[in-house]
Amino acid sequence: MPLKSDIIIDAGKFDPANISEQAKQLNAGLIAKLSNGGKEWHEVGAAKYRKMRWAGETALPAPVPLPQGIDFTIPSREPGREIPCRIMYPTSRTTEDERRRCRGTVMHFHGGGWTLGDEKSHDSLLQFYADAGDLAVISVGYRLAPEDPFPKGPEDCMDAGEYIAKVSEERYGGPLRFIGGESAGGHLSLITTFHLLKVIPDFKLSGLLLHFGSYDLSGLPQYYHLTTNVPILPQSTSSRFFEAFMPNMTEDQKKSPSVSPFYEDLSKFRERLPSALFTCGTVDPLLDDSVMMGTKWLMAGGEAIVKIYTGGPHGFIGFPPAVLKESGEALMDTKTYIEDCMAKA
């Protein structure tokens, strides 16, 4: 019998030759559109760009808030300052009494390079989660850089995590079951999860929903190697996000576990790590983050499901499945994951 590796990778998932024609066309169109003279956020200022984004004046489509979303606030560690949040309930639960009998909550952190986006940016995805698991889904409007750089945004996320973990059973019918986010939101999800594991002795989650997250803020190899034909998040953009979030931070400081969850000692959480779903496309500068973080998760005894989508750019789940089939596949995989986790609850 030939010797077999203990770690097995489907190399075909990562082979550029296997990128679908649809994904090739989408990526080429994105590169053309984003390089066609459109202003970057750092050229006009973050505050102005956020307004432009909502007005549909940037290269990517404007967010579409849903009328059933409910805005509210939760307390922060700073007296007198509240953290804005938004909640979506399952479409099947229409009365106040029914909404108090959900099966638990999802806490969501939006993406946007710690600089853009807000709690209202992802209503459709929040509704998708809510319906998939009969869950109340809470999106957290954490403070943004460059106005509020590290550690302000993560502090809001940790405060929100402690608060929701405390009130979830009473207000929403079940415990905090999932934490998740996209890109910077994936980073904040792990920062918050590790914090809760440290401060709440019996803290448990059903799962983590981690889409194309950034886990080493000093940059893993794919970030440096993928420098041409990058549809979304080229280095010229991502480096500005890093600078805004971590101004004047040294490389060693960026590798602190409080900044980069990739450097957290996961052995401390052996037998306590929640299940985690990591998704990423192969045309994403953050591909190594998901693959390597997922591998570390498995090494520490946790359940990690790493799903790779050939040809998917950064943020690919935001495209309609009709435009990019890999987006639909990732959403259905996420739905299956939520259902599987809830079946064990």
C-alpha atoms as a PDB file:
ATOM      1  CA  MET A   1       0.000   0.000   0.000  1.00  0.00           C
ATOM      2  CA  PRO A   2       1.440   3.436  -0.904  1.00  0.00           C
ATOM      3  CA  LEU A   3       1.874   5.897   1.945  1.00  0.00           C
ATOM      4  CA  LYS A   4      -1.079   8.308   2.233  1.00  0.00           C
ATOM      5  CA  SER A   5      -1.038  11.873   3.485  1.00  0.00           C
ATOM      6  CA  ASP A   6      -2.911  12.774   6.654  1.00  0.00           C
ATOM      7  CA  ILE A   7      -3.989  16.018   4.986  1.00  0.00           C
ATOM      8  CA  ILE A   8      -5.799  15.712   1.662  1.00  0.00           C
ATOM      9  CA  ILE A   9      -6.548  18.605  -0.679  1.00  0.00           C
ATOM     10  CA  ASP A  10      -8.592  18.501  -3.886  1.00  0.00           C
ATOM     11  CA  ALA A  11      -6.065  20.348  -6.051  1.00  0.00           C
ATOM     12  CA  GLY A  12      -8.584  20.564  -8.889  1.00  0.00           C
ATOM     13  CA  LYS A  13     -10.559  23.110  -6.877  1.00  0.00           C
ATOM     14  CA  PHE A  14      -7.583  25.487  -7.055  1.00  0.00           C
ATOM     15  CA  ASP A  15      -6.605  24.887 -10.695  1.00  0.00           C
ATOM     16  CA  PRO A  16      -7.213  27.985 -12.877  1.00  0.00           C
ATOM     17  CA  ALA A  17      -7.920  25.639 -15.785  1.00  0.00           C
ATOM     18  CA  ASN A  18     -11.149  24.648 -14.039  1.00  0.00           C
ATOM     19  CA  ILE A  19     -12.603  28.154 -13.772  1.00  0.00           C
ATOM     20  CA  SER A  20     -15.995  28.232 -15.476  1.00  0.00           C
ATOM     21  CA  GLU A  21     -16.577  30.434 -18.503  1.00  0.00           C
ATOM     22  CA  GLN A  22     -19.229  32.308 -16.525  1.00  0.00           C
ATOM     23  CA  ALA A  23     -16.748  33.117 -13.743  1.00  0.00           C
ATOM     24  CA  LYS A  24     -14.101  34.174 -16.269  1.00  0.00           C
ATOM     25  CA  GLN A  25     -16.520  36.601 -17.901  1.00  0.00           C
ATOM     26  CA  LEU A  26     -17.682  38.016 -14.579  1.00  0.00           C
ATOM     27  CA  ASN A  27     -14.128  38.527 -13.334  1.00  0.00           C
ATOM     28  CA  ALA A  28     -13.010  40.152 -16.573  1.00  0.00           C
ATOM     29  CA  GLY A  29     -16.013  42.476 -16.440  1.00  0.00           C
ATOM     30  CA  LEU A  30     -15.277  43.415 -12.828  1.00  0.00           C
ATOM     31  CA  ILE A  31     -11.645  44.188 -13.613  1.00  0.00           C
ATOM     32  CA  ALA A  32     -12.706  46.392 -16.524  1.00  0.00           C
ATOM     33  CA  LYS A  33     -15.412  48.151 -14.532  1.00  0.00           C
ATOM     34  CA  LEU A  34     -13.309  48.780 -11.436  1.00  0.00           C
ATOM     35  CA  SER A  35     -10.375  50.085 -13.483  1.00  0.00           C
ATOM     36  CA  ASN A  36     -12.505  52.409 -15.601  1.00  0.00           C
ATOM     37  CA  GLY A  37     -11.782  55.572 -13.698  1.00  0.00           C
ATOM     38  CA  GLY A  38     -14.052  54.937 -10.724  1.00  0.00           C
ATOM     39  CA  LYS A  39     -13.021  56.638  -7.509  1.00  0.00           C
ATOM     40  CA  GLU A  40     -11.604  54.542  -4.667  1.00  0.00           C
ATOM     41  CA  TRP A  41     -12.797  55.197  -1.119  1.00  0.00           C
ATOM     42  CA  HIS A  42      -9.428  56.561  -0.028  1.00  0.00           C
ATOM     43  CA  GLU A  43      -9.468  59.085  -2.870  1.00  0.00           C
ATOM     44  CA  VAL A  44     -12.723  60.745  -1.790  1.00  0.00           C
ATOM     45  CA  GLY A  45     -12.667  59.919   1.921  1.00  0.00           C
ATOM     46  CA  ALA A  46     -14.434  57.111   3.743  1.00  0.00           C
ATOM     47  CA  ALA A  47     -17.403  59.188   4.925  1.00  0.00           C
ATOM     48  CA  LYS A  48     -18.201  60.478   1.420  1.00  0.00           C
ATOM     49  CA  TYR A  49     -17.674  57.067  -0.173  1.00  0.00           C
ATOM     50  CA  ARG A  50     -20.154  55.462   2.230  1.00  0.00           C
ATOM     51  CA  LYS A  51     -22.797  57.926   1.006  1.00  0.00           C
ATOM     52  CA  MET A  52     -21.804  57.269  -2.612  1.00  0.00           C
ATOM     53  CA  ARG A  53     -22.185  53.535  -2.013  1.00  0.00           C
ATOM     54  CA  TRP A  54     -25.740  53.944  -0.753  1.00  0.00           C
ATOM     55  CA  ALA A  55     -26.536  56.269  -3.658  1.00  0.00           C
ATOM     56  CA  GLY A  56     -25.308  53.709  -6.209  1.00  0.00           C
ATOM     57  CA  GLU A  57     -22.455  55.959  -7.308  1.00  0.00           C
ATOM     58  CA  THR A  58     -19.682  53.353  -6.988  1.00  0.00           C
ATOM     59  CA  ALA A  59     -18.684  50.411  -9.186  1.00  0.00           C
ATOM     60  CA  LEU A  60     -20.619  47.892  -7.075  1.00  0.00           C
ATOM     61  CA  PRO A  61     -24.424  47.869  -6.628  1.00  0.00           C
ATOM     62  CA  ALA A  62     -25.945  49.843  -3.761  1.00  0.00           C
ATOM     63  CA  PRO A  63     -27.218  47.895  -0.728  1.00  0.00           C
ATOM     64  CA  VAL A  64     -30.955  47.177  -0.658  1.00  0.00           C
ATOM     65  CA  PRO A  65     -32.490  47.339   2.837  1.00  0.00           C
ATOM     66  CA  LEU A  66     -35.617  45.243   3.360  1.00  0.00           C
ATOM     67  CA  PRO A  67     -38.713  46.773   4.985  1.00  0.00           C
ATOM     68  CA  GLN A  68     -38.960  44.031   7.644  1.00  0.00           C
ATOM     69  CA  GLY A  69     -35.579  44.934   9.138  1.00  0.00           C
ATOM     70  CA  ILE A  70     -35.846  46.484  12.600  1.00  0.00           C
ATOM     71  CA  ASP A  71     -33.243  48.913  13.923  1.00  0.00           C
ATOM     72  CA  PHE A  72     -32.351  48.966  17.615  1.00  0.00           C
ATOM     73  CA  THR A  73     -29.344  49.557  19.862  1.00  0.00           C
ATOM     74  CA  ILE A  74     -27.468  47.685  22.549  1.00  0.00           C
ATOM     75  CA  PRO A  75     -25.187  49.087  25.265  1.00  0.00           C
ATOM     76  CA  SER A  76     -21.443  49.432  24.817  1.00  0.00           C
ATOM     77  CA  ARG A  77     -18.703  49.416  27.442  1.00  0.00           C
ATOM     78  CA  GLU A  78     -18.685  53.219  27.286  1.00  0.00           C
ATOM     79  CA  PRO A  79     -21.441  54.806  29.423  1.00  0.00           C
ATOM     80  CA  GLY A  80     -23.950  56.675  27.302  1.00  0.00           C
ATOM     81  CA  ARG A  81     -22.868  55.229  23.964  1.00  0.00           C
ATOM     82  CA  GLU A  82     -25.067  52.665  22.205  1.00  0.00           C
ATOM     83  CA  ILE A  83     -24.121  50.266  19.400  1.00  0.00           C
ATOM     84  CA  PRO A  84     -26.543  50.385  16.424  1.00  0.00           C
ATOM     85  CA  CYS A  85     -27.912  46.997  15.373  1.00  0.00           C
ATOM     86  CA  ARG A  86     -30.500  45.577  13.007  1.00  0.00           C
ATOM     87  CA  ILE A  87     -32.552  42.422  13.397  1.00  0.00           C
ATOM     88  CA  MET A  88     -34.281  40.167  10.896  1.00  0.00           C
ATOM     89  CA  TYR A  89     -36.757  37.496  11.973  1.00  0.00           C
ATOM     90  CA  PRO A  90     -37.866  34.356  10.107  1.00  0.00           C
ATOM     91  CA  THR A  91     -40.581  35.240   7.601  1.00  0.00           C
ATOM     92  CA  SER A  92     -42.815  32.622   9.253  1.00  0.00           C
ATOM     93  CA  ARG A  93     -42.784  34.529  12.562  1.00  0.00           C
ATOM     94  CA  THR A  94     -44.874  37.668  12.214  1.00  0.00           C
ATOM     95  CA  THR A  95     -46.112  38.455  15.743  1.00  0.00           C
ATOM     96  CA  GLU A  96     -44.122  39.627  18.746  1.00  0.00           C
ATOM     97  CA  ASP A  97     -44.986  36.444  20.625  1.00  0.00           C
ATOM     98  CA  GLU A  98     -43.826  34.236  17.747  1.00  0.00           C
ATOM     99  CA  ARG A  99     -40.588  36.182  17.445  1.00  0.00           C
ATOM    100  CA  ARG A 100     -39.786  35.475  21.069  1.00  0.00           C
ATOM    101  CA  ARG A 101     -39.905  31.764  20.257  1.00  0.00           C
ATOM    102  CA  CYS A 102     -37.200  31.551  17.595  1.00  0.00           C
ATOM    103  CA  ARG A 103     -34.658  28.760  18.026  1.00  0.00           C
ATOM    104  CA  GLY A 104     -31.923  31.247  18.910  1.00  0.00           C
ATOM    105  CA  THR A 105     -29.849  33.973  17.328  1.00  0.00           C
ATOM    106  CA  VAL A 106     -27.161  34.638  14.750  1.00  0.00           C
ATOM    107  CA  MET A 107     -24.790  37.545  15.355  1.00  0.00           C
ATOM    108  CA  HIS A 108     -23.546  39.017  12.072  1.00  0.00           C
ATOM    109  CA  PHE A 109     -20.632  41.362  11.344  1.00  0.00           C
ATOM    110  CA  HIS A 110     -20.630  43.012   7.907  1.00  0.00           C
ATOM    111  CA  GLY A 111     -17.617  43.276   5.633  1.00  0.00           C
ATOM    112  CA  GLY A 112     -16.090  46.407   4.129  1.00  0.00           C
ATOM    113  CA  GLY A 113     -12.458  46.461   5.207  1.00  0.00           C
ATOM    114  CA  TRP A 114     -13.349  47.702   8.718  1.00  0.00           C
ATOM    115  CA  THR A 115     -14.034  50.993   6.897  1.00  0.00           C
ATOM    116  CA  LEU A 116     -17.192  50.662   4.799  1.00  0.00           C
ATOM    117  CA  GLY A 117     -20.633  49.114   5.248  1.00  0.00           C
ATOM    118  CA  ASP A 118     -23.015  49.108   8.183  1.00  0.00           C
ATOM    119  CA  GLU A 119     -25.645  47.016   9.923  1.00  0.00           C
ATOM    120  CA  LYS A 120     -28.124  47.688   7.086  1.00  0.00           C
ATOM    121  CA  SER A 121     -25.847  46.530   4.258  1.00  0.00           C
ATOM    122  CA  HIS A 122     -26.770  42.835   4.104  1.00  0.00           C
ATOM    123  CA  ASP A 123     -30.509  42.495   4.747  1.00  0.00           C
ATOM    124  CA  SER A 124     -31.055  39.782   2.117  1.00  0.00           C
ATOM    125  CA  LEU A 125     -28.297  37.596   3.558  1.00  0.00           C
ATOM    126  CA  LEU A 126     -29.617  38.128   7.089  1.00  0.00           C
ATOM    127  CA  GLN A 127     -33.104  37.062   5.979  1.00  0.00           C
ATOM    128  CA  PHE A 128     -31.600  34.007   4.287  1.00  0.00           C
ATOM    129  CA  TYR A 129     -29.943  32.982   7.572  1.00  0.00           C
ATOM    130  CA  ALA A 130     -33.098  33.661   9.564  1.00  0.00           C
ATOM    131  CA  ASP A 131     -35.236  31.435   7.357  1.00  0.00           C
ATOM    132  CA  ALA A 132     -32.609  28.689   7.060  1.00  0.00           C
ATOM    133  CA  GLY A 133     -32.503  28.040  10.808  1.00  0.00           C
ATOM    134  CA  ASP A 134     -35.630  29.663  12.286  1.00  0.00           C
ATOM    135  CA  LEU A 135     -33.321  32.189  13.922  1.00  0.00           C
ATOM    136  CA  ALA A 136     -33.336  35.875  14.817  1.00  0.00           C
ATOM    137  CA  VAL A 137     -30.365  37.440  13.014  1.00  0.00           C
ATOM    138  CA  ILE A 138     -28.704  40.509  14.533  1.00  0.00           C
ATOM    139  CA  SER A 139     -26.321  42.627  12.477  1.00  0.00           C
ATOM    140  CA  VAL A 140     -23.929  44.764  14.517  1.00  0.00           C
ATOM    141  CA  GLY A 141     -23.033  48.310  13.408  1.00  0.00           C
ATOM    142  CA  TYR A 142     -19.541  48.424  14.880  1.00  0.00           C
ATOM    143  CA  ARG A 143     -17.441  51.585  14.684  1.00  0.00           C
ATOM    144  CA  LEU A 144     -15.456  52.072  11.483  1.00  0.00           C
ATOM    145  CA  ALA A 145     -11.948  53.200  10.560  1.00  0.00           C
ATOM    146  CA  PRO A 146     -10.335  55.555   9.826  1.00  0.00           C
ATOM    147  CA  GLU A 147     -12.428  57.624  12.257  1.00  0.00           C
ATOM    148  CA  ASP A 148     -12.277  54.802  14.827  1.00  0.00           C
ATOM    149  CA  PRO A 149      -9.321  52.494  14.168  1.00  0.00           C
ATOM    150  CA  PHE A 150      -8.328  49.354  16.084  1.00  0.00           C
ATOM    151  CA  PRO A 151      -9.385  48.436  18.741  1.00  0.00           C
ATOM    152  CA  LYS A 152     -12.684  50.382  18.580  1.00  0.00           C
ATOM    153  CA  GLY A 153     -14.560  48.198  16.075  1.00  0.00           C
ATOM    154  CA  PRO A 154     -13.526  44.901  17.711  1.00  0.00           C
ATOM    155  CA  GLU A 155     -14.501  46.282  21.128  1.00  0.00           C
ATOM    156  CA  ASP A 156     -18.032  46.938  19.846  1.00  0.00           C
ATOM    157  CA  CYS A 157     -18.215  43.403  18.481  1.00  0.00           C
ATOM    158  CA  MET A 158     -17.040  41.884  21.755  1.00  0.00           C
ATOM    159  CA  ASP A 159     -19.509  44.038  23.717  1.00  0.00           C
ATOM    160  CA  ALA A 160     -22.314  42.965  21.396  1.00  0.00           C
ATOM    161  CA  GLY A 161     -21.296  39.338  21.783  1.00  0.00           C
ATOM    162  CA  GLU A 162     -21.402  39.447  25.572  1.00  0.00           C
ATOM    163  CA  TYR A 163     -24.754  41.226  25.551  1.00  0.00           C
ATOM    164  CA  ILE A 164     -26.457  38.949  23.009  1.00  0.00           C
ATOM    165  CA  ALA A 165     -25.119  35.818  24.692  1.00  0.00           C
ATOM    166  CA  LYS A 166     -26.687  37.080  27.933  1.00  0.00           C
ATOM    167  CA  VAL A 167     -30.162  38.031  26.625  1.00  0.00           C
ATOM    168  CA  SER A 168     -30.689  35.673  23.689  1.00  0.00           C
ATOM    169  CA  GLU A 169     -32.563  32.924  25.560  1.00  0.00           C
ATOM    170  CA  GLU A 170     -35.016  35.332  27.173  1.00  0.00           C
ATOM    171  CA  ARG A 171     -35.673  37.614  24.206  1.00  0.00           C
ATOM    172  CA  TYR A 172     -35.431  35.314  21.204  1.00  0.00           C
ATOM    173  CA  GLY A 173     -36.327  31.841  22.469  1.00  0.00           C
ATOM    174  CA  GLY A 174     -32.900  30.261  22.287  1.00  0.00           C
ATOM    175  CA  PRO A 175     -29.175  30.858  22.804  1.00  0.00           C
ATOM    176  CA  LEU A 176     -26.679  32.641  20.600  1.00  0.00           C
ATOM    177  CA  ARG A 177     -26.107  29.819  18.109  1.00  0.00           C
ATOM    178  CA  PHE A 178     -24.050  31.286  15.265  1.00  0.00           C
ATOM    179  CA  ILE A 179     -21.547  34.086  14.746  1.00  0.00           C
ATOM    180  CA  GLY A 180     -20.529  35.022  11.223  1.00  0.00           C
ATOM    181  CA  GLY A 181     -19.489  37.592   8.713  1.00  0.00           C
ATOM    182  CA  GLU A 182     -17.811  38.278   5.410  1.00  0.00           C
ATOM    183  CA  SER A 183     -14.235  39.512   4.841  1.00  0.00           C
ATOM    184  CA  ALA A 184     -13.528  41.938   7.718  1.00  0.00           C
ATOM    185  CA  GLY A 185     -16.676  40.505   9.299  1.00  0.00           C
ATOM    186  CA  GLY A 186     -15.086  37.046   9.292  1.00  0.00           C
ATOM    187  CA  HIS A 187     -12.084  38.502  11.113  1.00  0.00           C
ATOM    188  CA  LEU A 188     -14.319  40.167  13.693  1.00  0.00           C
ATOM    189  CA  SER A 189     -16.292  36.932  14.116  1.00  0.00           C
ATOM    190  CA  LEU A 190     -13.186  35.045  15.235  1.00  0.00           C
ATOM    191  CA  ILE A 191     -11.939  37.896  17.427  1.00  0.00           C
ATOM    192  CA  THR A 192     -15.332  37.916  19.156  1.00  0.00           C
ATOM    193  CA  THR A 193     -15.610  34.130  19.420  1.00  0.00           C
ATOM    194  CA  PHE A 194     -12.204  33.806  21.082  1.00  0.00           C
ATOM    195  CA  HIS A 195     -13.127  36.610  23.473  1.00  0.00           C
ATOM    196  CA  LEU A 196     -16.371  34.887  24.472  1.00  0.00           C
ATOM    197  CA  LEU A 197     -14.596  31.556  24.940  1.00  0.00           C
ATOM    198  CA  LYS A 198     -12.233  33.323  27.359  1.00  0.00           C
ATOM    199  CA  VAL A 199     -14.765  35.308  29.395  1.00  0.00           C
ATOM    200  CA  ILE A 200     -17.741  32.902  29.494  1.00  0.00           C
ATOM    201  CA  PRO A 201     -16.624  29.545  30.971  1.00  0.00           C
ATOM    202  CA  ASP A 202     -19.466  27.479  29.488  1.00  0.00           C
ATOM    203  CA  PHE A 203     -19.803  29.394  26.205  1.00  0.00           C
ATOM    204  CA  LYS A 204     -20.951  27.253  23.281  1.00  0.00           C
ATOM    205  CA  LEU A 205     -21.960  27.936  19.694  1.00  0.00           C
ATOM    206  CA  SER A 206     -23.641  25.738  17.117  1.00  0.00           C
ATOM    207  CA  GLY A 207     -21.368  27.101  14.410  1.00  0.00           C
ATOM    208  CA  LEU A 208     -19.426  29.879  12.708  1.00  0.00           C
ATOM    209  CA  LEU A 209     -20.362  31.254   9.278  1.00  0.00           C
ATOM    210  CA  LEU A 210     -17.060  32.566   7.920  1.00  0.00           C
ATOM    211  CA  HIS A 211     -17.028  33.816   4.337  1.00  0.00           C
ATOM    212  CA  PHE A 212     -13.659  34.812   2.795  1.00  0.00           C
ATOM    213  CA  GLY A 213     -12.367  36.253   6.070  1.00  0.00           C
ATOM    214  CA  SER A 214      -9.082  38.029   6.784  1.00  0.00           C
ATOM    215  CA  TYR A 215      -7.344  36.205   9.635  1.00  0.00           C
ATOM    216  CA  ASP A 216      -3.684  37.282   9.314  1.00  0.00           C
ATOM    217  CA  LEU A 217      -3.602  41.053   8.978  1.00  0.00           C
ATOM    218  CA  SER A 218       0.099  41.001   8.137  1.00  0.00           C
ATOM    219  CA  GLY A 219      -0.827  39.109   4.962  1.00  0.00           C
ATOM    220  CA  LEU A 220      -0.471  35.442   4.002  1.00  0.00           C
ATOM    221  CA  PRO A 221       1.266  34.423   0.714  1.00  0.00           C
ATOM    222  CA  GLN A 222      -1.781  34.565  -1.591  1.00  0.00           C
ATOM    223  CA  TYR A 223      -2.236  38.216  -0.621  1.00  0.00           C
ATOM    224  CA  TYR A 224       1.253  38.995  -1.967  1.00  0.00           C
ATOM    225  CA  HIS A 225       1.281  36.550  -4.892  1.00  0.00           C
ATOM    226  CA  LEU A 226      -2.103  37.406  -6.427  1.00  0.00           C
ATOM    227  CA  THR A 227      -1.238  40.843  -7.767  1.00  0.00           C
ATOM    228  CA  THR A 228      -2.565  40.814 -11.350  1.00  0.00           C
ATOM    229  CA  ASN A 229      -6.072  40.264 -12.725  1.00  0.00           C
ATOM    230  CA  VAL A 230      -7.648  40.671  -9.299  1.00  0.00           C
ATOM    231  CA  PRO A 231     -11.385  41.328  -9.814  1.00  0.00           C
ATOM    232  CA  ILE A 232     -12.042  42.628  -6.278  1.00  0.00           C
ATOM    233  CA  LEU A 233      -9.725  43.671  -3.438  1.00  0.00           C
ATOM    234  CA  PRO A 234      -6.449  44.329  -5.257  1.00  0.00           C
ATOM    235  CA  GLN A 235      -3.494  45.218  -3.037  1.00  0.00           C
ATOM    236  CA  SER A 236      -3.893  48.908  -3.828  1.00  0.00           C
ATOM    237  CA  THR A 237      -7.282  48.750  -2.096  1.00  0.00           C
ATOM    238  CA  SER A 238      -6.665  46.208   0.660  1.00  0.00           C
ATOM    239  CA  SER A 239      -3.460  47.902   1.800  1.00  0.00           C
ATOM    240  CA  ARG A 240      -5.465  51.116   2.356  1.00  0.00           C
ATOM    241  CA  PHE A 241      -7.983  49.194   4.459  1.00  0.00           C
ATOM    242  CA  PHE A 242      -5.177  47.756   6.580  1.00  0.00           C
ATOM    243  CA  GLU A 243      -3.594  51.187   7.008  1.00  0.00           C
ATOM    244  CA  ALA A 244      -6.891  52.752   8.061  1.00  0.00           C
ATOM    245  CA  PHE A 245      -7.688  49.989  10.555  1.00  0.00           C
ATOM    246  CA  MET A 246      -4.168  49.604  11.971  1.00  0.00           C
ATOM    247  CA  PRO A 247      -2.434  52.994  11.602  1.00  0.00           C
ATOM    248  CA  ASN A 248       1.266  52.971  12.489  1.00  0.00           C
ATOM    249  CA  MET A 249       1.121  49.339  13.640  1.00  0.00           C
ATOM    250  CA  THR A 250       4.344  47.313  13.265  1.00  0.00           C
ATOM    251  CA  GLU A 251       4.429  43.883  11.617  1.00  0.00           C
ATOM    252  CA  ASP A 252       4.960  42.254  15.014  1.00  0.00           C
ATOM    253  CA  GLN A 253       1.969  44.113  16.441  1.00  0.00           C
ATOM    254  CA  LYS A 254      -0.188  42.949  13.524  1.00  0.00           C
ATOM    255  CA  LYS A 255       0.665  39.356  14.470  1.00  0.00           C
ATOM    256  CA  SER A 256      -0.732  39.718  17.969  1.00  0.00           C
ATOM    257  CA  PRO A 257      -3.720  37.358  18.447  1.00  0.00           C
ATOM    258  CA  SER A 258      -5.796  40.361  19.497  1.00  0.00           C
ATOM    259  CA  VAL A 259      -5.267  41.750  15.980  1.00  0.00           C
ATOM    260  CA  SER A 260      -4.840  38.635  13.821  1.00  0.00           C
ATOM    261  CA  PRO A 261      -6.840  35.590  14.984  1.00  0.00           C
ATOM    262  CA  PHE A 262      -4.586  33.325  12.901  1.00  0.00           C
ATOM    263  CA  TYR A 263      -2.012  33.665  15.710  1.00  0.00           C
ATOM    264  CA  GLU A 264      -4.400  32.685  18.513  1.00  0.00           C
ATOM    265  CA  ASP A 265      -3.302  29.565  20.443  1.00  0.00           C
ATOM    266  CA  LEU A 266      -6.196  27.277  19.562  1.00  0.00           C
ATOM    267  CA  SER A 267      -4.912  24.516  21.832  1.00  0.00           C
ATOM    268  CA  LYS A 268      -6.397  26.498  24.740  1.00  0.00           C
ATOM    269  CA  PHE A 269      -9.844  25.817  23.306  1.00  0.00           C
ATOM    270  CA  ARG A 270      -9.449  22.128  22.488  1.00  0.00           C
ATOM    271  CA  GLU A 271     -12.819  20.396  22.919  1.00  0.00           C
ATOM    272  CA  ARG A 272     -14.495  23.825  23.135  1.00  0.00           C
ATOM    273  CA  LEU A 273     -14.055  25.112  19.578  1.00  0.00           C
ATOM    274  CA  PRO A 274     -17.378  25.446  17.801  1.00  0.00           C
ATOM    275  CA  SER A 275     -17.923  23.941  14.383  1.00  0.00           C
ATOM    276  CA  ALA A 276     -16.839  26.360  11.648  1.00  0.00           C
ATOM    277  CA  LEU A 277     -17.709  26.795   7.979  1.00  0.00           C
ATOM    278  CA  PHE A 278     -14.997  28.530   5.925  1.00  0.00           C
ATOM    279  CA  THR A 279     -15.839  29.546   2.343  1.00  0.00           C
ATOM    280  CA  CYS A 280     -13.660  31.280  -0.230  1.00  0.00           C
ATOM    281  CA  GLY A 281     -13.199  31.655  -3.977  1.00  0.00           C
ATOM    282  CA  THR A 282      -9.884  30.902  -5.638  1.00  0.00           C
ATOM    283  CA  VAL A 283      -9.502  34.350  -7.243  1.00  0.00           C
ATOM    284  CA  ASP A 284      -9.392  35.991  -3.830  1.00  0.00           C
ATOM    285  CA  PRO A 285      -6.272  37.475  -2.214  1.00  0.00           C
ATOM    286  CA  LEU A 286      -7.531  36.070   1.106  1.00  0.00           C
ATOM    287  CA  LEU A 287      -7.737  32.439  -0.073  1.00  0.00           C
ATOM    288  CA  ASP A 288      -4.828  31.312   2.137  1.00  0.00           C
ATOM    289  CA  ASP A 289      -6.545  32.816   5.183  1.00  0.00           C
ATOM    290  CA  SER A 290      -9.519  30.460   4.915  1.00  0.00           C
ATOM    291  CA  VAL A 291      -7.545  27.346   3.943  1.00  0.00           C
ATOM    292  CA  MET A 292      -4.891  27.787   6.626  1.00  0.00           C
ATOM    293  CA  MET A 293      -7.257  28.910   9.373  1.00  0.00           C
ATOM    294  CA  GLY A 294      -9.491  25.949   8.630  1.00  0.00           C
ATOM    295  CA  THR A 295      -6.506  23.615   8.821  1.00  0.00           C
ATOM    296  CA  LYS A 296      -5.443  25.072  12.176  1.00  0.00           C
ATOM    297  CA  TRP A 297      -9.019  24.545  13.385  1.00  0.00           C
ATOM    298  CA  LEU A 298      -8.849  20.851  12.509  1.00  0.00           C
ATOM    299  CA  MET A 299      -5.407  20.499  14.127  1.00  0.00           C
ATOM    300  CA  ALA A 300      -6.886  21.828  17.384  1.00  0.00           C
ATOM    301  CA  GLY A 301      -9.625  19.209  17.324  1.00  0.00           C
ATOM    302  CA  GLY A 302     -12.417  21.428  16.047  1.00  0.00           C
ATOM    303  CA  GLU A 303     -14.810  20.654  13.226  1.00  0.00           C
ATOM    304  CA  ALA A 304     -13.959  22.754  10.180  1.00  0.00           C
ATOM    305  CA  ILE A 305     -15.710  22.532   6.836  1.00  0.00           C
ATOM    306  CA  VAL A 306     -13.658  24.354   4.203  1.00  0.00           C
ATOM    307  CA  LYS A 307     -15.506  24.934   0.937  1.00  0.00           C
ATOM    308  CA  ILE A 308     -13.626  26.318  -2.067  1.00  0.00           C
ATOM    309  CA  TYR A 309     -15.314  27.789  -5.155  1.00  0.00           C
ATOM    310  CA  THR A 310     -13.168  27.787  -8.275  1.00  0.00           C
ATOM    311  CA  GLY A 311     -12.970  31.201  -9.913  1.00  0.00           C
ATOM    312  CA  GLY A 312     -14.900  33.003  -7.190  1.00  0.00           C
ATOM    313  CA  PRO A 313     -13.638  36.558  -6.523  1.00  0.00           C
ATOM    314  CA  HIS A 314     -13.622  38.236  -3.134  1.00  0.00           C
ATOM    315  CA  GLY A 315     -17.191  38.853  -1.998  1.00  0.00           C
ATOM    316  CA  PHE A 316     -18.550  36.381  -4.557  1.00  0.00           C
ATOM    317  CA  ILE A 317     -21.619  35.356  -2.528  1.00  0.00           C
ATOM    318  CA  GLY A 318     -22.972  38.854  -3.088  1.00  0.00           C
ATOM    319  CA  PHE A 319     -23.566  38.163  -6.802  1.00  0.00           C
ATOM    320  CA  PRO A 320     -26.893  36.674  -7.959  1.00  0.00           C
ATOM    321  CA  PRO A 321     -26.629  32.933  -8.678  1.00  0.00           C
ATOM    322  CA  ALA A 322     -27.790  33.641 -12.236  1.00  0.00           C
ATOM    323  CA  VAL A 323     -24.660  35.761 -12.700  1.00  0.00           C
ATOM    324  CA  LEU A 324     -22.279  33.409 -10.879  1.00  0.00           C
ATOM    325  CA  LYS A 325     -23.376  29.845 -10.170  1.00  0.00           C
ATOM    326  CA  GLU A 326     -20.673  29.491  -7.512  1.00  0.00           C
ATOM    327  CA  SER A 327     -22.532  32.092  -5.475  1.00  0.00           C
ATOM    328  CA  GLY A 328     -25.665  29.956  -5.453  1.00  0.00           C
ATOM    329  CA  GLU A 329     -23.602  26.894  -4.558  1.00  0.00           C
ATOM    330  CA  ALA A 330     -22.010  28.684  -1.601  1.00  0.00           C
ATOM    331  CA  LEU A 331     -25.360  29.926  -0.321  1.00  0.00           C
ATOM    332  CA  MET A 332     -26.884  26.443  -0.564  1.00  0.00           C
ATOM    333  CA  ASP A 333     -23.831  24.981   1.204  1.00  0.00           C
ATOM    334  CA  THR A 334     -24.278  27.573   3.946  1.00  0.00           C
ATOM    335  CA  LYS A 335     -27.967  26.711   4.262  1.00  0.00           C
ATOM    336  CA  THR A 336     -27.128  23.016   4.531  1.00  0.00           C
ATOM    337  CA  TYR A 337     -24.505  23.795   7.166  1.00  0.00           C
ATOM    338  CA  ILE A 338     -26.993  25.823   9.254  1.00  0.00           C
ATOM    339  CA  GLU A 339     -29.577  23.046   8.959  1.00  0.00           C
ATOM    340  CA  ASP A 340     -27.013  20.387   9.945  1.00  0.00           C
ATOM    341  CA  CYS A 341     -25.888  22.405  12.970  1.00  0.00           C
ATOM    342  CA  MET A 342     -29.470  23.051  14.069  1.00  0.00           C
ATOM    343  CA  ALA A 343     -30.282  19.341  13.749  1.00  0.00           C
ATOM    344  CA  LYS A 344     -27.627  18.713  16.414  1.00  0.00           C
ATOM    345  CA  ALA A 345     -28.878  21.533  18.696  1.00  0.00           C
END
